[in-house]
Amino acid sequence: MENNKFINRKRTRLKYYDYSTSGAYFITICIKDMRIPLLSNIFVGNGALDVPQRKLTSVGKIVDKYIRSTNNIKG
């Protein structure tokens, strides 16, 4: 029954919520068996007070571009 493995999946959307309205949404990206920095890398300096910095990968830049473009969408 490999073809039917998603039949009993839990619903991820609220039953009576209108998703066409504006609001904040969370996006989760899961990659099976891969522990790679897909969207960004974290760098920490050598000093005790250095703040960790995030640098987007090329894929992360694409995702960031499209997420930011959603601010311009009129409902």
PDB file of N, CA and C in Angstrom:
ATOM      1  N   MET A   1       0.815  -1.202   0.000  1.00  0.00           N
ATOM      2  CA  MET A   1       0.000   0.000   0.000  1.00  0.00           C
ATOM      3  C   MET A   1       0.854   1.259   0.000  1.00  0.00           C
ATOM      4  N   GLU A   2       1.984   1.232  -0.618  1.00  0.00           N
ATOM      5  CA  GLU A   2       2.865   2.398  -0.678  1.00  0.00           C
ATOM      6  C   GLU A   2       2.169   3.598  -1.307  1.00  0.00           C
ATOM      7  N   ASN A   3       1.306   3.390  -2.273  1.00  0.00           N
ATOM      8  CA  ASN A   3       0.617   4.490  -2.951  1.00  0.00           C
ATOM      9  C   ASN A   3      -0.395   5.191  -2.058  1.00  0.00           C
ATOM     10  N   ASN A   4      -0.835   4.551  -0.976  1.00  0.00           N
ATOM     11  CA  ASN A   4      -1.862   5.109  -0.105  1.00  0.00           C
ATOM     12  C   ASN A   4      -1.309   5.593   1.228  1.00  0.00           C
ATOM     13  N   LYS A   5      -0.038   5.890   1.316  1.00  0.00           N
ATOM     14  CA  LYS A   5       0.562   6.225   2.604  1.00  0.00           C
ATOM     15  C   LYS A   5       0.092   7.568   3.161  1.00  0.00           C
ATOM     16  N   PHE A   6      -0.532   8.434   2.358  1.00  0.00           N
ATOM     17  CA  PHE A   6      -0.980   9.732   2.842  1.00  0.00           C
ATOM     18  C   PHE A   6      -2.486   9.797   3.075  1.00  0.00           C
ATOM     19  N   ILE A   7      -3.180   8.707   2.928  1.00  0.00           N
ATOM     20  CA  ILE A   7      -4.634   8.722   3.068  1.00  0.00           C
ATOM     21  C   ILE A   7      -5.064   9.189   4.457  1.00  0.00           C
ATOM     22  N   ASN A   8      -4.397   8.763   5.502  1.00  0.00           N
ATOM     23  CA  ASN A   8      -4.793   9.090   6.869  1.00  0.00           C
ATOM     24  C   ASN A   8      -4.015  10.258   7.453  1.00  0.00           C
ATOM     25  N   ARG A   9      -3.543  11.163   6.625  1.00  0.00           N
ATOM     26  CA  ARG A   9      -2.782  12.312   7.116  1.00  0.00           C
ATOM     27  C   ARG A   9      -3.678  13.275   7.878  1.00  0.00           C
ATOM     28  N   LYS A  10      -3.112  13.896   8.891  1.00  0.00           N
ATOM     29  CA  LYS A  10      -3.818  14.894   9.689  1.00  0.00           C
ATOM     30  C   LYS A  10      -3.993  16.156   8.856  1.00  0.00           C
ATOM     31  N   ARG A  11      -5.158  16.768   8.948  1.00  0.00           N
ATOM     32  CA  ARG A  11      -5.398  18.024   8.231  1.00  0.00           C
ATOM     33  C   ARG A  11      -4.551  19.129   8.860  1.00  0.00           C
ATOM     34  N   THR A  12      -3.920  19.936   8.027  1.00  0.00           N
ATOM     35  CA  THR A  12      -3.055  20.997   8.537  1.00  0.00           C
ATOM     36  C   THR A  12      -3.721  22.364   8.490  1.00  0.00           C
ATOM     37  N   ARG A  13      -4.906  22.450   7.932  1.00  0.00           N
ATOM     38  CA  ARG A  13      -5.623  23.722   7.851  1.00  0.00           C
ATOM     39  C   ARG A  13      -6.796  23.720   8.823  1.00  0.00           C
ATOM     40  N   LEU A  14      -7.086  24.897   9.372  1.00  0.00           N
ATOM     41  CA  LEU A  14      -8.238  25.028  10.253  1.00  0.00           C
ATOM     42  C   LEU A  14      -9.518  24.907   9.437  1.00  0.00           C
ATOM     43  N   LYS A  15     -10.491  24.214   9.967  1.00  0.00           N
ATOM     44  CA  LYS A  15     -11.690  23.888   9.208  1.00  0.00           C
ATOM     45  C   LYS A  15     -12.463  25.127   8.744  1.00  0.00           C
ATOM     46  N   TYR A  16     -12.637  26.120   9.608  1.00  0.00           N
ATOM     47  CA  TYR A  16     -13.478  27.269   9.272  1.00  0.00           C
ATOM     48  C   TYR A  16     -12.688  28.572   9.094  1.00  0.00           C
ATOM     49  N   TYR A  17     -11.385  28.496   8.940  1.00  0.00           N
ATOM     50  CA  TYR A  17     -10.578  29.707   8.781  1.00  0.00           C
ATOM     51  C   TYR A  17     -10.552  30.119   7.312  1.00  0.00           C
ATOM     52  N   ASP A  18     -10.718  31.429   7.067  1.00  0.00           N
ATOM     53  CA  ASP A  18     -10.690  31.957   5.699  1.00  0.00           C
ATOM     54  C   ASP A  18      -9.247  32.315   5.345  1.00  0.00           C
ATOM     55  N   TYR A  19      -8.577  31.461   4.631  1.00  0.00           N
ATOM     56  CA  TYR A  19      -7.170  31.660   4.282  1.00  0.00           C
ATOM     57  C   TYR A  19      -6.971  32.721   3.199  1.00  0.00           C
ATOM     58  N   SER A  20      -8.056  33.280   2.675  1.00  0.00           N
ATOM     59  CA  SER A  20      -7.912  34.345   1.681  1.00  0.00           C
ATOM     60  C   SER A  20      -7.716  35.702   2.345  1.00  0.00           C
ATOM     61  N   THR A  21      -7.884  35.803   3.667  1.00  0.00           N
ATOM     62  CA  THR A  21      -7.674  37.065   4.375  1.00  0.00           C
ATOM     63  C   THR A  21      -6.189  37.267   4.636  1.00  0.00           C
ATOM     64  N   SER A  22      -5.821  38.516   4.877  1.00  0.00           N
ATOM     65  CA  SER A  22      -4.412  38.796   5.160  1.00  0.00           C
ATOM     66  C   SER A  22      -4.067  38.289   6.550  1.00  0.00           C
ATOM     67  N   GLY A  23      -2.827  37.944   6.746  1.00  0.00           N
ATOM     68  CA  GLY A  23      -2.375  37.440   8.031  1.00  0.00           C
ATOM     69  C   GLY A  23      -0.968  36.914   7.935  1.00  0.00           C
ATOM     70  N   ALA A  24      -0.441  36.495   9.059  1.00  0.00           N
ATOM     71  CA  ALA A  24       0.908  35.944   9.100  1.00  0.00           C
ATOM     72  C   ALA A  24       0.833  34.430   8.975  1.00  0.00           C
ATOM     73  N   TYR A  25       1.760  33.866   8.239  1.00  0.00           N
ATOM     74  CA  TYR A  25       1.792  32.425   8.032  1.00  0.00           C
ATOM     75  C   TYR A  25       3.196  31.908   8.301  1.00  0.00           C
ATOM     76  N   PHE A  26       3.294  30.685   8.776  1.00  0.00           N
ATOM     77  CA  PHE A  26       4.572  30.029   8.987  1.00  0.00           C
ATOM     78  C   PHE A  26       4.786  29.026   7.865  1.00  0.00           C
ATOM     79  N   ILE A  27       6.013  28.963   7.408  1.00  0.00           N
ATOM     80  CA  ILE A  27       6.364  28.008   6.367  1.00  0.00           C
ATOM     81  C   ILE A  27       7.386  27.045   6.952  1.00  0.00           C
ATOM     82  N   THR A  28       7.119  25.765   6.834  1.00  0.00           N
ATOM     83  CA  THR A  28       8.043  24.747   7.304  1.00  0.00           C
ATOM     84  C   THR A  28       8.530  23.956   6.103  1.00  0.00           C
ATOM     85  N   ILE A  29       9.836  23.830   5.995  1.00  0.00           N
ATOM     86  CA  ILE A  29      10.425  23.056   4.906  1.00  0.00           C
ATOM     87  C   ILE A  29      11.162  21.880   5.530  1.00  0.00           C
ATOM     88  N   CYS A  30      10.783  20.686   5.155  1.00  0.00           N
ATOM     89  CA  CYS A  30      11.418  19.475   5.679  1.00  0.00           C
ATOM     90  C   CYS A  30      12.128  18.747   4.540  1.00  0.00           C
ATOM     91  N   ILE A  31      13.338  18.319   4.811  1.00  0.00           N
ATOM     92  CA  ILE A  31      14.104  17.569   3.823  1.00  0.00           C
ATOM     93  C   ILE A  31      14.514  16.268   4.488  1.00  0.00           C
ATOM     94  N   LYS A  32      14.004  15.163   3.995  1.00  0.00           N
ATOM     95  CA  LYS A  32      14.262  13.874   4.612  1.00  0.00           C
ATOM     96  C   LYS A  32      15.746  13.492   4.517  1.00  0.00           C
ATOM     97  N   ASP A  33      16.288  13.109   5.660  1.00  0.00           N
ATOM     98  CA  ASP A  33      17.649  12.566   5.764  1.00  0.00           C
ATOM     99  C   ASP A  33      18.739  13.502   5.253  1.00  0.00           C
ATOM    100  N   MET A  34      18.502  14.795   5.241  1.00  0.00           N
ATOM    101  CA  MET A  34      19.538  15.727   4.796  1.00  0.00           C
ATOM    102  C   MET A  34      19.782  16.763   5.886  1.00  0.00           C
ATOM    103  N   ARG A  35      21.000  16.912   6.267  1.00  0.00           N
ATOM    104  CA  ARG A  35      21.368  17.916   7.259  1.00  0.00           C
ATOM    105  C   ARG A  35      22.323  18.905   6.595  1.00  0.00           C
ATOM    106  N   ILE A  36      21.760  19.635   5.636  1.00  0.00           N
ATOM    107  CA  ILE A  36      22.556  20.615   4.910  1.00  0.00           C
ATOM    108  C   ILE A  36      21.972  22.002   5.165  1.00  0.00           C
ATOM    109  N   PRO A  37      22.791  23.015   5.143  1.00  0.00           N
ATOM    110  CA  PRO A  37      22.290  24.379   5.316  1.00  0.00           C
ATOM    111  C   PRO A  37      21.638  24.856   4.017  1.00  0.00           C
ATOM    112  N   LEU A  38      20.389  24.492   3.805  1.00  0.00           N
ATOM    113  CA  LEU A  38      19.718  24.759   2.540  1.00  0.00           C
ATOM    114  C   LEU A  38      19.426  26.243   2.338  1.00  0.00           C
ATOM    115  N   LEU A  39      18.953  26.927   3.376  1.00  0.00           N
ATOM    116  CA  LEU A  39      18.538  28.323   3.221  1.00  0.00           C
ATOM    117  C   LEU A  39      19.568  29.327   3.705  1.00  0.00           C
ATOM    118  N   SER A  40      20.357  28.982   4.717  1.00  0.00           N
ATOM    119  CA  SER A  40      21.353  29.934   5.219  1.00  0.00           C
ATOM    120  C   SER A  40      22.443  29.215   5.992  1.00  0.00           C
ATOM    121  N   ASN A  41      23.506  29.940   6.214  1.00  0.00           N
ATOM    122  CA  ASN A  41      24.611  29.489   7.061  1.00  0.00           C
ATOM    123  C   ASN A  41      24.717  30.457   8.224  1.00  0.00           C
ATOM    124  N   ILE A  42      25.121  29.959   9.390  1.00  0.00           N
ATOM    125  CA  ILE A  42      25.304  30.796  10.574  1.00  0.00           C
ATOM    126  C   ILE A  42      26.797  30.901  10.846  1.00  0.00           C
ATOM    127  N   PHE A  43      27.269  32.136  11.005  1.00  0.00           N
ATOM    128  CA  PHE A  43      28.675  32.388  11.286  1.00  0.00           C
ATOM    129  C   PHE A  43      28.796  33.085  12.628  1.00  0.00           C
ATOM    130  N   VAL A  44      29.777  32.664  13.419  1.00  0.00           N
ATOM    131  CA  VAL A  44      30.045  33.283  14.708  1.00  0.00           C
ATOM    132  C   VAL A  44      31.499  33.724  14.699  1.00  0.00           C
ATOM    133  N   GLY A  45      31.726  34.961  15.146  1.00  0.00           N
ATOM    134  CA  GLY A  45      33.097  35.475  15.199  1.00  0.00           C
ATOM    135  C   GLY A  45      33.895  34.825  16.315  1.00  0.00           C
ATOM    136  N   ASN A  46      35.127  35.280  16.497  1.00  0.00           N
ATOM    137  CA  ASN A  46      36.012  34.706  17.507  1.00  0.00           C
ATOM    138  C   ASN A  46      35.870  35.359  18.868  1.00  0.00           C
ATOM    139  N   GLY A  47      35.304  36.566  18.935  1.00  0.00           N
ATOM    140  CA  GLY A  47      35.185  37.274  20.198  1.00  0.00           C
ATOM    141  C   GLY A  47      34.041  36.752  21.046  1.00  0.00           C
ATOM    142  N   ALA A  48      34.157  36.947  22.354  1.00  0.00           N
ATOM    143  CA  ALA A  48      33.135  36.441  23.278  1.00  0.00           C
ATOM    144  C   ALA A  48      31.806  37.156  23.090  1.00  0.00           C
ATOM    145  N   LEU A  49      31.821  38.399  22.625  1.00  0.00           N
ATOM    146  CA  LEU A  49      30.601  39.179  22.482  1.00  0.00           C
ATOM    147  C   LEU A  49      30.098  39.234  21.039  1.00  0.00           C
ATOM    148  N   ASP A  50      30.714  38.481  20.144  1.00  0.00           N
ATOM    149  CA  ASP A  50      30.290  38.491  18.742  1.00  0.00           C
ATOM    150  C   ASP A  50      28.885  37.904  18.602  1.00  0.00           C
ATOM    151  N   VAL A  51      28.078  38.579  17.827  1.00  0.00           N
ATOM    152  CA  VAL A  51      26.712  38.127  17.574  1.00  0.00           C
ATOM    153  C   VAL A  51      26.717  37.213  16.350  1.00  0.00           C
ATOM    154  N   PRO A  52      26.055  36.063  16.424  1.00  0.00           N
ATOM    155  CA  PRO A  52      25.998  35.187  15.250  1.00  0.00           C
ATOM    156  C   PRO A  52      25.357  35.908  14.067  1.00  0.00           C
ATOM    157  N   GLN A  53      25.907  35.703  12.896  1.00  0.00           N
ATOM    158  CA  GLN A  53      25.404  36.326  11.675  1.00  0.00           C
ATOM    159  C   GLN A  53      24.872  35.251  10.741  1.00  0.00           C
ATOM    160  N   ARG A  54      23.834  35.590  10.005  1.00  0.00           N
ATOM    161  CA  ARG A  54      23.233  34.652   9.058  1.00  0.00           C
ATOM    162  C   ARG A  54      23.552  35.122   7.643  1.00  0.00           C
ATOM    163  N   LYS A  55      23.975  34.202   6.794  1.00  0.00           N
ATOM    164  CA  LYS A  55      24.224  34.509   5.396  1.00  0.00           C
ATOM    165  C   LYS A  55      23.381  33.564   4.550  1.00  0.00           C
ATOM    166  N   LEU A  56      22.502  34.135   3.727  1.00  0.00           N
ATOM    167  CA  LEU A  56      21.620  33.326   2.895  1.00  0.00           C
ATOM    168  C   LEU A  56      22.410  32.604   1.807  1.00  0.00           C
ATOM    169  N   THR A  57      22.005  31.369   1.533  1.00  0.00           N
ATOM    170  CA  THR A  57      22.557  30.636   0.401  1.00  0.00           C
ATOM    171  C   THR A  57      21.846  31.129  -0.857  1.00  0.00           C
ATOM    172  N   SER A  58      22.234  30.635  -2.013  1.00  0.00           N
ATOM    173  CA  SER A  58      21.561  31.049  -3.251  1.00  0.00           C
ATOM    174  C   SER A  58      20.088  30.644  -3.221  1.00  0.00           C
ATOM    175  N   VAL A  59      19.788  29.474  -2.668  1.00  0.00           N
ATOM    176  CA  VAL A  59      18.385  29.046  -2.537  1.00  0.00           C
ATOM    177  C   VAL A  59      17.663  29.937  -1.533  1.00  0.00           C
ATOM    178  N   GLY A  60      18.327  30.265  -0.448  1.00  0.00           N
ATOM    179  CA  GLY A  60      17.742  31.145   0.565  1.00  0.00           C
ATOM    180  C   GLY A  60      17.406  32.515   0.009  1.00  0.00           C
ATOM    181  N   LYS A  61      18.239  33.027  -0.881  1.00  0.00           N
ATOM    182  CA  LYS A  61      17.973  34.326  -1.504  1.00  0.00           C
ATOM    183  C   LYS A  61      16.718  34.276  -2.368  1.00  0.00           C
ATOM    184  N   ILE A  62      16.527  33.180  -3.072  1.00  0.00           N
ATOM    185  CA  ILE A  62      15.322  33.027  -3.901  1.00  0.00           C
ATOM    186  C   ILE A  62      14.081  32.966  -3.018  1.00  0.00           C
ATOM    187  N   VAL A  63      14.135  32.154  -1.961  1.00  0.00           N
ATOM    188  CA  VAL A  63      13.001  32.034  -1.045  1.00  0.00           C
ATOM    189  C   VAL A  63      12.699  33.388  -0.412  1.00  0.00           C
ATOM    190  N   ASP A  64      13.723  34.086   0.049  1.00  0.00           N
ATOM    191  CA  ASP A  64      13.556  35.401   0.663  1.00  0.00           C
ATOM    192  C   ASP A  64      12.901  36.385  -0.306  1.00  0.00           C
ATOM    193  N   LYS A  65      13.329  36.369  -1.551  1.00  0.00           N
ATOM    194  CA  LYS A  65      12.770  37.260  -2.573  1.00  0.00           C
ATOM    195  C   LYS A  65      11.263  37.050  -2.719  1.00  0.00           C
ATOM    196  N   TYR A  66      10.853  35.791  -2.810  1.00  0.00           N
ATOM    197  CA  TYR A  66       9.432  35.512  -3.021  1.00  0.00           C
ATOM    198  C   TYR A  66       8.594  35.719  -1.769  1.00  0.00           C
ATOM    199  N   ILE A  67       9.159  35.457  -0.604  1.00  0.00           N
ATOM    200  CA  ILE A  67       8.420  35.743   0.627  1.00  0.00           C
ATOM    201  C   ILE A  67       8.208  37.250   0.761  1.00  0.00           C
ATOM    202  N   ARG A  68       9.236  38.026   0.485  1.00  0.00           N
ATOM    203  CA  ARG A  68       9.098  39.489   0.577  1.00  0.00           C
ATOM    204  C   ARG A  68       8.133  40.027  -0.476  1.00  0.00           C
ATOM    205  N   SER A  69       8.038  39.374  -1.628  1.00  0.00           N
ATOM    206  CA  SER A  69       7.139  39.849  -2.686  1.00  0.00           C
ATOM    207  C   SER A  69       5.675  39.670  -2.294  1.00  0.00           C
ATOM    208  N   THR A  70       5.386  38.792  -1.333  1.00  0.00           N
ATOM    209  CA  THR A  70       3.997  38.601  -0.910  1.00  0.00           C
ATOM    210  C   THR A  70       3.445  39.829  -0.193  1.00  0.00           C
ATOM    211  N   ASN A  71       4.314  40.729   0.284  1.00  0.00           N
ATOM    212  CA  ASN A  71       3.851  41.954   0.932  1.00  0.00           C
ATOM    213  C   ASN A  71       3.114  42.854  -0.057  1.00  0.00           C
ATOM    214  N   ASN A  72       3.347  42.665  -1.346  1.00  0.00           N
ATOM    215  CA  ASN A  72       2.743  43.514  -2.372  1.00  0.00           C
ATOM    216  C   ASN A  72       1.455  42.940  -2.940  1.00  0.00           C
ATOM    217  N   ILE A  73       1.061  41.770  -2.487  1.00  0.00           N
ATOM    218  CA  ILE A  73      -0.141  41.132  -3.013  1.00  0.00           C
ATOM    219  C   ILE A  73      -1.380  41.746  -2.367  1.00  0.00           C
ATOM    220  N   LYS A  74      -2.309  42.180  -3.189  1.00  0.00           N
ATOM    221  CA  LYS A  74      -3.563  42.746  -2.697  1.00  0.00           C
ATOM    222  C   LYS A  74      -4.626  41.666  -2.745  1.00  0.00           C
ATOM    223  N   GLY A  75      -5.364  41.490  -1.641  1.00  0.00           N
ATOM    224  CA  GLY A  75      -6.357  40.427  -1.555  1.00  0.00           C
ATOM    225  C   GLY A  75      -7.661  40.727  -2.193  1.00  0.00           C
TER     226      GLY A  75
END
